[in-house]
N, C-alpha and C. Protein backbone atom coordinates (compact mmCIF):
# COMPACT_ATOMS: atom_id res chain seq x y z
N MET A 1 106.72 97.38 133.52
CA MET A 1 106.03 97.34 132.26
C MET A 1 104.58 97.34 132.58
N CYS A 2 103.88 97.79 131.82
CA CYS A 2 104.14 98.58 130.63
C CYS A 2 103.36 99.86 130.86
N GLY A 3 104.02 101.00 130.89
CA GLY A 3 103.34 102.24 131.18
C GLY A 3 103.15 103.13 129.97
N ARG A 4 103.79 102.83 128.88
CA ARG A 4 103.63 103.59 127.63
C ARG A 4 103.97 102.67 126.47
N PHE A 5 103.30 102.89 125.35
CA PHE A 5 103.67 102.14 124.16
C PHE A 5 103.42 102.93 122.90
N ASN A 6 103.94 102.39 121.79
CA ASN A 6 103.82 102.99 120.47
C ASN A 6 102.92 102.09 119.64
N TYR A 7 101.90 102.69 119.04
CA TYR A 7 101.11 101.98 118.02
C TYR A 7 100.90 102.95 116.87
N SER A 8 101.91 103.03 116.02
CA SER A 8 101.88 103.99 114.93
C SER A 8 101.74 103.34 113.56
N ASN A 9 102.07 102.07 113.44
CA ASN A 9 101.90 101.34 112.19
C ASN A 9 100.50 100.72 112.20
N THR A 10 99.52 101.53 111.86
CA THR A 10 98.12 101.15 112.08
C THR A 10 97.46 100.52 110.87
N LYS A 11 98.23 99.89 110.01
CA LYS A 11 97.67 99.29 108.80
C LYS A 11 97.06 97.91 109.03
N ARG A 12 97.15 97.39 110.24
CA ARG A 12 96.69 96.02 110.50
C ARG A 12 95.17 95.85 110.45
N LEU A 13 94.42 96.86 110.88
CA LEU A 13 92.97 96.71 111.01
C LEU A 13 92.23 97.87 110.39
N GLU A 14 91.06 97.58 109.84
CA GLU A 14 90.20 98.66 109.36
C GLU A 14 89.51 99.30 110.55
N GLY A 15 89.20 100.59 110.43
CA GLY A 15 88.52 101.29 111.52
C GLY A 15 89.43 101.52 112.70
N ASP A 16 90.70 101.58 112.44
CA ASP A 16 91.72 101.69 113.46
C ASP A 16 91.80 103.10 114.05
N LEU A 17 92.44 103.21 115.19
CA LEU A 17 92.74 104.52 115.77
C LEU A 17 93.84 105.18 114.96
N PRO A 18 93.98 106.51 115.05
CA PRO A 18 95.09 107.18 114.36
C PRO A 18 96.43 106.76 114.97
N PRO A 19 97.53 106.90 114.23
CA PRO A 19 98.84 106.55 114.76
C PRO A 19 99.13 107.31 116.06
N ARG A 20 99.72 106.59 117.02
CA ARG A 20 100.10 107.22 118.29
C ARG A 20 101.44 106.66 118.72
N TYR A 21 102.35 107.56 119.07
CA TYR A 21 103.71 107.17 119.43
C TYR A 21 103.93 107.15 120.94
N ASN A 22 102.96 107.61 121.71
CA ASN A 22 103.13 107.72 123.16
C ASN A 22 101.79 107.44 123.85
N VAL A 23 101.34 106.21 123.74
CA VAL A 23 100.06 105.81 124.32
C VAL A 23 100.25 105.64 125.82
N ALA A 24 99.43 106.34 126.59
CA ALA A 24 99.55 106.34 128.05
C ALA A 24 98.30 105.74 128.69
N PRO A 25 98.42 105.24 129.92
CA PRO A 25 97.25 104.73 130.63
C PRO A 25 96.16 105.80 130.75
N GLY A 26 94.92 105.33 130.76
CA GLY A 26 93.79 106.23 130.87
C GLY A 26 93.30 106.73 129.53
N THR A 27 93.96 106.31 128.44
CA THR A 27 93.52 106.70 127.11
C THR A 27 92.92 105.48 126.40
N ASN A 28 92.27 105.72 125.28
CA ASN A 28 91.70 104.63 124.51
C ASN A 28 92.77 103.88 123.75
N ILE A 29 92.65 102.56 123.75
CA ILE A 29 93.57 101.71 122.99
C ILE A 29 92.76 100.73 122.16
N LEU A 30 93.39 100.20 121.15
CA LEU A 30 92.75 99.24 120.27
C LEU A 30 93.08 97.82 120.72
N VAL A 31 92.05 97.00 120.86
CA VAL A 31 92.24 95.58 121.14
C VAL A 31 91.47 94.78 120.11
N VAL A 32 91.82 93.52 119.99
CA VAL A 32 91.04 92.56 119.21
C VAL A 32 90.45 91.60 120.22
N ASN A 33 89.12 91.54 120.26
CA ASN A 33 88.46 90.70 121.26
C ASN A 33 88.37 89.25 120.80
N GLU A 34 87.79 88.39 121.64
CA GLU A 34 87.72 86.96 121.34
C GLU A 34 86.88 86.63 120.12
N ASP A 35 86.07 87.58 119.67
CA ASP A 35 85.30 87.40 118.43
C ASP A 35 86.11 87.86 117.21
N ASN A 36 87.40 88.17 117.44
CA ASN A 36 88.30 88.68 116.40
C ASN A 36 87.82 89.99 115.79
N LYS A 37 87.18 90.79 116.62
CA LYS A 37 86.69 92.10 116.18
C LYS A 37 87.50 93.20 116.88
N PRO A 38 87.86 94.26 116.15
CA PRO A 38 88.54 95.38 116.80
C PRO A 38 87.59 96.07 117.77
N GLN A 39 88.13 96.49 118.88
CA GLN A 39 87.34 97.16 119.91
C GLN A 39 88.21 98.23 120.56
N VAL A 40 87.67 99.40 120.78
CA VAL A 40 88.40 100.48 121.44
C VAL A 40 87.96 100.51 122.90
N LEU A 41 88.94 100.40 123.80
CA LEU A 41 88.68 100.37 125.24
C LEU A 41 89.60 101.34 125.96
N ASN A 42 89.21 101.69 127.18
CA ASN A 42 90.08 102.50 128.03
C ASN A 42 91.18 101.62 128.60
N TRP A 43 92.41 102.10 128.57
CA TRP A 43 93.52 101.34 129.16
C TRP A 43 93.59 101.68 130.64
N GLY A 44 93.18 100.73 131.46
CA GLY A 44 93.20 100.88 132.91
C GLY A 44 91.84 100.54 133.49
N TYR A 45 91.87 99.79 134.57
CA TYR A 45 90.65 99.33 135.24
C TYR A 45 90.66 99.83 136.68
N SER A 46 89.55 100.41 137.10
CA SER A 46 89.41 100.91 138.47
C SER A 46 88.32 100.13 139.19
N PRO A 47 88.68 99.06 139.90
CA PRO A 47 87.66 98.29 140.61
C PRO A 47 87.04 99.12 141.74
N ALA A 48 85.85 98.75 142.14
CA ALA A 48 85.10 99.51 143.15
C ALA A 48 85.88 99.65 144.46
N TRP A 49 86.67 98.64 144.83
CA TRP A 49 87.39 98.67 146.11
C TRP A 49 88.60 99.60 146.09
N MET A 50 89.03 100.02 144.91
CA MET A 50 90.23 100.84 144.77
C MET A 50 89.87 102.32 144.99
N LYS A 51 90.52 102.95 145.97
CA LYS A 51 90.19 104.34 146.30
C LYS A 51 90.65 105.33 145.24
N SER A 52 91.80 105.11 144.65
CA SER A 52 92.29 106.00 143.59
C SER A 52 93.19 105.21 142.66
N GLY A 53 93.44 105.77 141.49
CA GLY A 53 94.31 105.13 140.53
C GLY A 53 93.59 104.08 139.71
N MET A 54 94.37 103.31 138.98
CA MET A 54 93.80 102.24 138.17
C MET A 54 94.85 101.16 137.95
N ILE A 55 94.36 100.00 137.62
CA ILE A 55 95.22 98.85 137.32
C ILE A 55 95.43 98.84 135.81
N ILE A 56 96.69 98.96 135.39
CA ILE A 56 96.98 98.98 133.95
C ILE A 56 97.63 97.69 133.47
N ASN A 57 98.26 96.97 134.40
CA ASN A 57 98.94 95.72 134.08
C ASN A 57 98.56 94.65 135.09
N ALA A 58 98.63 93.40 134.65
CA ALA A 58 98.38 92.26 135.53
C ALA A 58 99.54 91.28 135.36
N LYS A 59 100.13 90.86 136.47
CA LYS A 59 101.24 89.90 136.41
C LYS A 59 100.70 88.52 136.05
N ARG A 60 101.27 87.95 135.03
CA ARG A 60 100.87 86.61 134.59
C ARG A 60 100.98 85.60 135.72
N GLU A 61 102.02 85.75 136.55
CA GLU A 61 102.28 84.77 137.60
C GLU A 61 101.21 84.75 138.68
N THR A 62 100.49 85.84 138.88
CA THR A 62 99.48 85.89 139.96
C THR A 62 98.06 86.10 139.44
N LEU A 63 97.91 86.10 138.15
CA LEU A 63 96.62 86.40 137.53
C LEU A 63 95.48 85.51 138.01
N LYS A 64 95.71 84.23 138.05
CA LYS A 64 94.64 83.29 138.41
C LYS A 64 94.26 83.36 139.88
N SER A 65 95.14 83.88 140.72
CA SER A 65 94.84 83.95 142.16
C SER A 65 94.18 85.27 142.57
N LYS A 66 94.06 86.22 141.67
CA LYS A 66 93.51 87.54 142.00
C LYS A 66 92.01 87.58 141.68
N PRO A 67 91.18 87.79 142.70
CA PRO A 67 89.73 87.88 142.43
C PRO A 67 89.35 89.04 141.52
N THR A 68 90.18 90.06 141.48
CA THR A 68 89.91 91.23 140.63
C THR A 68 89.72 90.82 139.17
N PHE A 69 90.41 89.78 138.74
CA PHE A 69 90.38 89.42 137.32
C PHE A 69 89.49 88.23 137.01
N ARG A 70 88.66 87.83 137.95
CA ARG A 70 87.67 86.80 137.63
C ARG A 70 86.66 87.39 136.66
N HIS A 71 86.10 86.55 135.84
CA HIS A 71 85.04 86.95 134.91
C HIS A 71 85.52 88.01 133.90
N HIS A 72 86.69 87.81 133.38
CA HIS A 72 87.22 88.69 132.35
C HIS A 72 87.05 88.01 130.99
N THR A 73 87.25 88.76 129.94
CA THR A 73 87.37 88.18 128.61
C THR A 73 88.77 88.47 128.09
N LYS A 74 89.17 87.69 127.10
CA LYS A 74 90.52 87.79 126.56
C LYS A 74 90.55 88.71 125.35
N ALA A 75 91.70 89.32 125.14
CA ALA A 75 91.91 90.18 123.98
C ALA A 75 93.41 90.27 123.70
N TYR A 76 93.71 90.86 122.59
CA TYR A 76 95.09 91.21 122.24
C TYR A 76 95.14 92.71 121.98
N THR A 77 96.17 93.38 122.52
CA THR A 77 96.41 94.78 122.23
C THR A 77 97.54 94.87 121.21
N LEU A 78 97.31 95.62 120.15
CA LEU A 78 98.30 95.76 119.09
C LEU A 78 99.27 96.89 119.44
N ILE A 79 100.56 96.61 119.34
CA ILE A 79 101.59 97.62 119.57
C ILE A 79 102.71 97.43 118.55
N ASN A 80 103.54 98.46 118.41
CA ASN A 80 104.76 98.34 117.61
C ASN A 80 105.99 98.31 118.51
N GLY A 81 105.85 98.75 119.74
CA GLY A 81 106.93 98.75 120.71
C GLY A 81 106.47 99.42 121.98
N TRP A 82 107.33 99.39 123.00
CA TRP A 82 106.96 100.02 124.27
C TRP A 82 108.19 100.68 124.90
N TYR A 83 107.92 101.48 125.91
CA TYR A 83 108.98 102.24 126.59
C TYR A 83 109.15 101.75 128.03
N GLU A 84 110.38 101.79 128.48
CA GLU A 84 110.72 101.57 129.89
C GLU A 84 111.81 102.57 130.25
N TRP A 85 111.93 102.84 131.55
CA TRP A 85 112.90 103.81 132.04
C TRP A 85 113.91 103.11 132.94
N LYS A 86 115.18 103.46 132.75
CA LYS A 86 116.25 102.93 133.60
C LYS A 86 116.77 104.07 134.45
N ARG A 87 116.79 103.85 135.75
CA ARG A 87 117.28 104.86 136.67
C ARG A 87 118.81 104.88 136.62
N ASP A 88 119.33 106.08 136.50
CA ASP A 88 120.78 106.29 136.51
C ASP A 88 121.04 107.47 137.44
N GLY A 89 121.29 107.18 138.72
CA GLY A 89 121.43 108.24 139.72
C GLY A 89 120.10 108.93 139.93
N ASN A 90 120.07 110.23 139.74
CA ASN A 90 118.83 111.00 139.88
C ASN A 90 118.05 111.10 138.58
N LYS A 91 118.58 110.56 137.50
CA LYS A 91 117.93 110.66 136.20
C LYS A 91 117.33 109.32 135.80
N LYS A 92 116.32 109.41 134.94
CA LYS A 92 115.74 108.21 134.34
C LYS A 92 115.88 108.31 132.83
N GLN A 93 116.51 107.33 132.24
CA GLN A 93 116.70 107.31 130.79
C GLN A 93 115.64 106.40 130.16
N PRO A 94 114.80 106.94 129.25
CA PRO A 94 113.83 106.07 128.58
C PRO A 94 114.49 105.24 127.48
N TYR A 95 113.96 104.03 127.31
CA TYR A 95 114.38 103.12 126.25
C TYR A 95 113.16 102.68 125.48
N TYR A 96 113.36 102.43 124.20
CA TYR A 96 112.30 101.92 123.34
C TYR A 96 112.58 100.46 123.04
N PHE A 97 111.59 99.60 123.23
CA PHE A 97 111.70 98.15 123.03
C PHE A 97 110.82 97.75 121.85
N PHE A 98 111.33 96.88 121.01
CA PHE A 98 110.62 96.50 119.78
C PHE A 98 111.19 95.18 119.26
N SER A 99 110.57 94.65 118.22
CA SER A 99 111.08 93.46 117.55
C SER A 99 111.51 93.83 116.14
N LYS A 100 112.72 93.44 115.77
CA LYS A 100 113.16 93.66 114.39
C LYS A 100 112.44 92.72 113.43
N LYS A 101 111.98 91.61 113.94
CA LYS A 101 111.35 90.59 113.09
C LYS A 101 109.88 90.87 112.81
N TYR A 102 109.17 91.45 113.77
CA TYR A 102 107.73 91.67 113.63
C TYR A 102 107.40 93.16 113.77
N ASP A 103 106.72 93.71 112.77
CA ASP A 103 106.31 95.12 112.84
C ASP A 103 105.28 95.34 113.95
N THR A 104 104.36 94.41 114.07
CA THR A 104 103.30 94.53 115.07
C THR A 104 103.44 93.39 116.06
N LEU A 105 103.30 93.72 117.34
CA LEU A 105 103.30 92.73 118.41
C LEU A 105 101.91 92.74 119.04
N PHE A 106 101.54 91.63 119.65
CA PHE A 106 100.20 91.47 120.20
C PHE A 106 100.30 91.13 121.69
N ILE A 107 99.98 92.10 122.54
CA ILE A 107 100.05 91.89 123.98
C ILE A 107 98.78 91.18 124.44
N LYS A 108 98.97 90.11 125.20
CA LYS A 108 97.83 89.42 125.80
C LYS A 108 97.19 90.38 126.81
N THR A 109 95.89 90.50 126.72
CA THR A 109 95.15 91.54 127.44
C THR A 109 93.88 90.98 128.04
N LEU A 110 93.47 91.53 129.17
CA LEU A 110 92.19 91.18 129.79
C LEU A 110 91.22 92.33 129.59
N ILE A 111 89.97 91.99 129.32
CA ILE A 111 88.91 92.99 129.28
C ILE A 111 88.06 92.80 130.52
N LYS A 112 87.89 93.86 131.27
CA LYS A 112 87.08 93.84 132.49
C LYS A 112 86.27 95.13 132.50
N ASP A 113 84.96 95.02 132.51
CA ASP A 113 84.07 96.19 132.55
C ASP A 113 84.44 97.22 131.49
N ASP A 114 84.61 96.79 130.26
CA ASP A 114 84.96 97.66 129.13
C ASP A 114 86.27 98.41 129.31
N CYS A 115 87.18 97.85 130.08
CA CYS A 115 88.51 98.41 130.28
C CYS A 115 89.54 97.33 129.93
N ALA A 116 90.72 97.76 129.52
CA ALA A 116 91.78 96.84 129.14
C ALA A 116 92.90 96.86 130.17
N VAL A 117 93.40 95.67 130.50
CA VAL A 117 94.54 95.51 131.40
C VAL A 117 95.54 94.61 130.68
N LEU A 118 96.77 95.08 130.52
CA LEU A 118 97.81 94.34 129.80
C LEU A 118 98.46 93.32 130.72
N ILE A 119 98.72 92.13 130.19
CA ILE A 119 99.36 91.07 130.97
C ILE A 119 100.88 91.20 130.81
N THR A 120 101.59 91.13 131.94
CA THR A 120 103.04 91.22 131.92
C THR A 120 103.65 89.93 132.45
N THR A 121 104.93 89.77 132.19
CA THR A 121 105.69 88.61 132.65
C THR A 121 107.12 89.05 132.93
N LYS A 122 107.95 88.11 133.39
CA LYS A 122 109.37 88.42 133.60
C LYS A 122 110.00 88.81 132.28
N ALA A 123 110.90 89.78 132.33
CA ALA A 123 111.56 90.28 131.12
C ALA A 123 112.53 89.23 130.56
N ASN A 124 112.72 89.29 129.26
CA ASN A 124 113.76 88.48 128.61
C ASN A 124 115.11 88.85 129.20
N ASP A 125 116.02 87.89 129.22
CA ASP A 125 117.33 88.09 129.84
C ASP A 125 118.08 89.30 129.28
N ASN A 126 117.94 89.59 128.00
CA ASN A 126 118.72 90.68 127.40
C ASN A 126 118.23 92.07 127.79
N ILE A 127 117.10 92.17 128.48
CA ILE A 127 116.61 93.50 128.86
C ILE A 127 116.42 93.68 130.37
N THR A 128 116.73 92.67 131.16
CA THR A 128 116.50 92.78 132.61
C THR A 128 117.35 93.86 133.26
N HIS A 129 118.44 94.25 132.65
CA HIS A 129 119.26 95.32 133.23
C HIS A 129 118.57 96.69 133.13
N ILE A 130 117.53 96.77 132.31
CA ILE A 130 116.76 98.01 132.19
C ILE A 130 115.46 97.90 132.98
N HIS A 131 114.75 96.78 132.81
CA HIS A 131 113.49 96.59 133.53
C HIS A 131 113.24 95.10 133.72
N ASN A 132 112.64 94.73 134.85
CA ASN A 132 112.46 93.31 135.16
C ASN A 132 111.15 92.72 134.65
N ARG A 133 110.28 93.53 134.02
CA ARG A 133 109.00 93.06 133.50
C ARG A 133 108.87 93.48 132.04
N MET A 134 108.01 92.78 131.32
CA MET A 134 107.70 93.12 129.94
C MET A 134 106.32 92.57 129.60
N PRO A 135 105.73 93.03 128.50
CA PRO A 135 104.42 92.49 128.14
C PRO A 135 104.52 91.03 127.72
N LEU A 136 103.46 90.28 127.99
CA LEU A 136 103.36 88.90 127.52
C LEU A 136 102.76 88.97 126.12
N MET A 137 103.53 88.58 125.11
CA MET A 137 103.17 88.85 123.72
C MET A 137 103.18 87.62 122.84
N ASP A 138 102.47 87.76 121.74
CA ASP A 138 102.54 86.82 120.63
C ASP A 138 102.91 87.61 119.38
N SER A 139 103.39 86.89 118.37
CA SER A 139 103.73 87.55 117.10
C SER A 139 102.52 87.65 116.18
N GLU A 140 101.44 87.04 116.56
CA GLU A 140 100.17 87.11 115.83
C GLU A 140 99.04 86.78 116.80
N ILE A 141 97.84 87.05 116.40
CA ILE A 141 96.70 86.68 117.23
C ILE A 141 96.53 85.17 117.14
N ASP A 142 96.66 84.51 118.27
CA ASP A 142 96.58 83.05 118.32
C ASP A 142 95.89 82.66 119.61
N TRP A 143 94.58 82.48 119.53
CA TRP A 143 93.80 82.19 120.75
C TRP A 143 94.20 80.86 121.38
N SER A 144 94.72 79.92 120.59
CA SER A 144 95.12 78.63 121.16
C SER A 144 96.34 78.76 122.06
N SER A 145 97.13 79.81 121.87
CA SER A 145 98.32 80.00 122.71
C SER A 145 98.11 81.05 123.79
N PHE A 146 96.90 81.59 123.91
CA PHE A 146 96.68 82.70 124.83
C PHE A 146 97.06 82.35 126.27
N ASN A 147 96.78 81.14 126.70
CA ASN A 147 97.06 80.75 128.09
C ASN A 147 98.48 80.22 128.29
N LYS A 148 99.26 80.16 127.23
CA LYS A 148 100.66 79.73 127.38
C LYS A 148 101.46 80.87 127.97
N GLU A 149 102.46 80.51 128.72
CA GLU A 149 103.19 81.49 129.53
C GLU A 149 104.60 81.73 129.03
N ILE A 150 104.79 81.72 127.74
CA ILE A 150 106.15 81.94 127.23
C ILE A 150 106.19 83.21 126.39
N ASN A 151 107.35 83.84 126.41
CA ASN A 151 107.64 85.00 125.59
C ASN A 151 108.87 84.64 124.77
N ASP A 152 108.66 84.20 123.55
CA ASP A 152 109.81 83.76 122.76
C ASP A 152 110.14 84.71 121.62
N ILE A 153 109.67 85.94 121.72
CA ILE A 153 109.96 86.95 120.71
C ILE A 153 111.25 87.67 121.11
N GLU A 154 112.19 87.73 120.18
CA GLU A 154 113.44 88.44 120.46
C GLU A 154 113.19 89.94 120.46
N ILE A 155 113.61 90.59 121.53
CA ILE A 155 113.36 92.02 121.71
C ILE A 155 114.66 92.81 121.59
N ASP A 156 114.60 93.88 120.81
CA ASP A 156 115.71 94.81 120.69
C ASP A 156 115.34 96.11 121.39
N PHE A 157 116.31 96.96 121.63
CA PHE A 157 116.03 98.21 122.35
C PHE A 157 117.14 99.22 122.09
N TYR A 158 116.81 100.48 122.37
CA TYR A 158 117.80 101.55 122.32
C TYR A 158 117.27 102.72 123.14
N PRO A 159 118.18 103.60 123.61
CA PRO A 159 117.73 104.78 124.36
C PRO A 159 117.04 105.79 123.44
N VAL A 160 116.05 106.49 123.99
CA VAL A 160 115.33 107.52 123.24
C VAL A 160 115.27 108.81 124.06
N SER A 161 114.77 109.84 123.45
CA SER A 161 114.68 111.16 124.07
C SER A 161 113.77 111.15 125.30
N THR A 162 114.09 111.99 126.26
CA THR A 162 113.23 112.15 127.45
C THR A 162 111.93 112.86 127.11
N GLN A 163 111.76 113.28 125.87
CA GLN A 163 110.48 113.87 125.45
C GLN A 163 109.32 112.89 125.62
N VAL A 164 109.63 111.58 125.62
CA VAL A 164 108.59 110.56 125.82
C VAL A 164 108.04 110.61 127.26
N ASN A 165 108.76 111.26 128.16
CA ASN A 165 108.30 111.37 129.55
C ASN A 165 106.99 112.13 129.67
N TYR A 166 106.67 112.94 128.69
CA TYR A 166 105.47 113.77 128.73
C TYR A 166 104.44 113.17 127.77
N SER A 167 103.34 112.67 128.32
CA SER A 167 102.37 111.93 127.51
C SER A 167 101.73 112.76 126.41
N LYS A 168 101.76 114.08 126.53
CA LYS A 168 101.18 114.93 125.47
C LYS A 168 102.08 114.98 124.24
N ASN A 169 103.36 114.66 124.41
CA ASN A 169 104.25 114.56 123.24
C ASN A 169 103.89 113.29 122.49
N ASP A 170 103.65 113.40 121.20
CA ASP A 170 103.16 112.24 120.45
C ASP A 170 103.52 112.37 118.97
N ASP A 171 104.79 112.14 118.67
CA ASP A 171 105.20 112.19 117.27
C ASP A 171 106.34 111.18 117.04
N LYS A 172 106.68 110.99 115.80
CA LYS A 172 107.65 109.96 115.40
C LYS A 172 109.01 110.14 116.03
N SER A 173 109.38 111.36 116.41
CA SER A 173 110.70 111.60 116.99
C SER A 173 110.90 110.81 118.29
N LEU A 174 109.80 110.43 118.95
CA LEU A 174 109.90 109.72 120.22
C LEU A 174 110.51 108.34 120.09
N ILE A 175 110.37 107.72 118.91
CA ILE A 175 110.91 106.38 118.74
C ILE A 175 112.27 106.37 118.02
N GLU A 176 112.80 107.54 117.76
CA GLU A 176 114.11 107.62 117.11
C GLU A 176 115.22 107.44 118.15
N PRO A 177 116.24 106.63 117.82
CA PRO A 177 117.32 106.39 118.80
C PRO A 177 118.14 107.64 119.07
N LEU A 178 118.62 107.74 120.29
CA LEU A 178 119.57 108.81 120.61
C LEU A 178 120.88 108.50 119.91
N ILE A 179 121.54 109.54 119.45
CA ILE A 179 122.82 109.33 118.74
C ILE A 179 123.95 109.42 119.74
């Protein structure tokens, strides 16, 4: 987790980005910063010591011990769900993860040099057979719980089309369950 997500129910904030069903690293994402203001940032951080690539996720369990994340600010990234892939032989089947209870989920996020890095944690027991990590989320923006390390949101999932494998594909069909 988390390499792609859906943020298509964009009614939560004014001045929001357009609906997107296949948000990929290296693109702009919407966060709410510690001043409770919406902010558009690049998803992924490339520290000076890194020769190539970028950091898109940070493990909650090792966050405090990594010098890379010193001097960050806190934020929440708004999503409606996210994708993970399960390997089945030579194929990878994408799955869509979401909450039936909450339309919008809020991923705990770090801001570093105007870039966003999503915080992940161990996956809930009901989804570990697909992926062992998931975003660290709240059901609402709650700065008092930001440093708490629990994920108590019930997550549902279903398989989706492999069209989500291509980041340029970006329409509602990506979140529709396979029949």
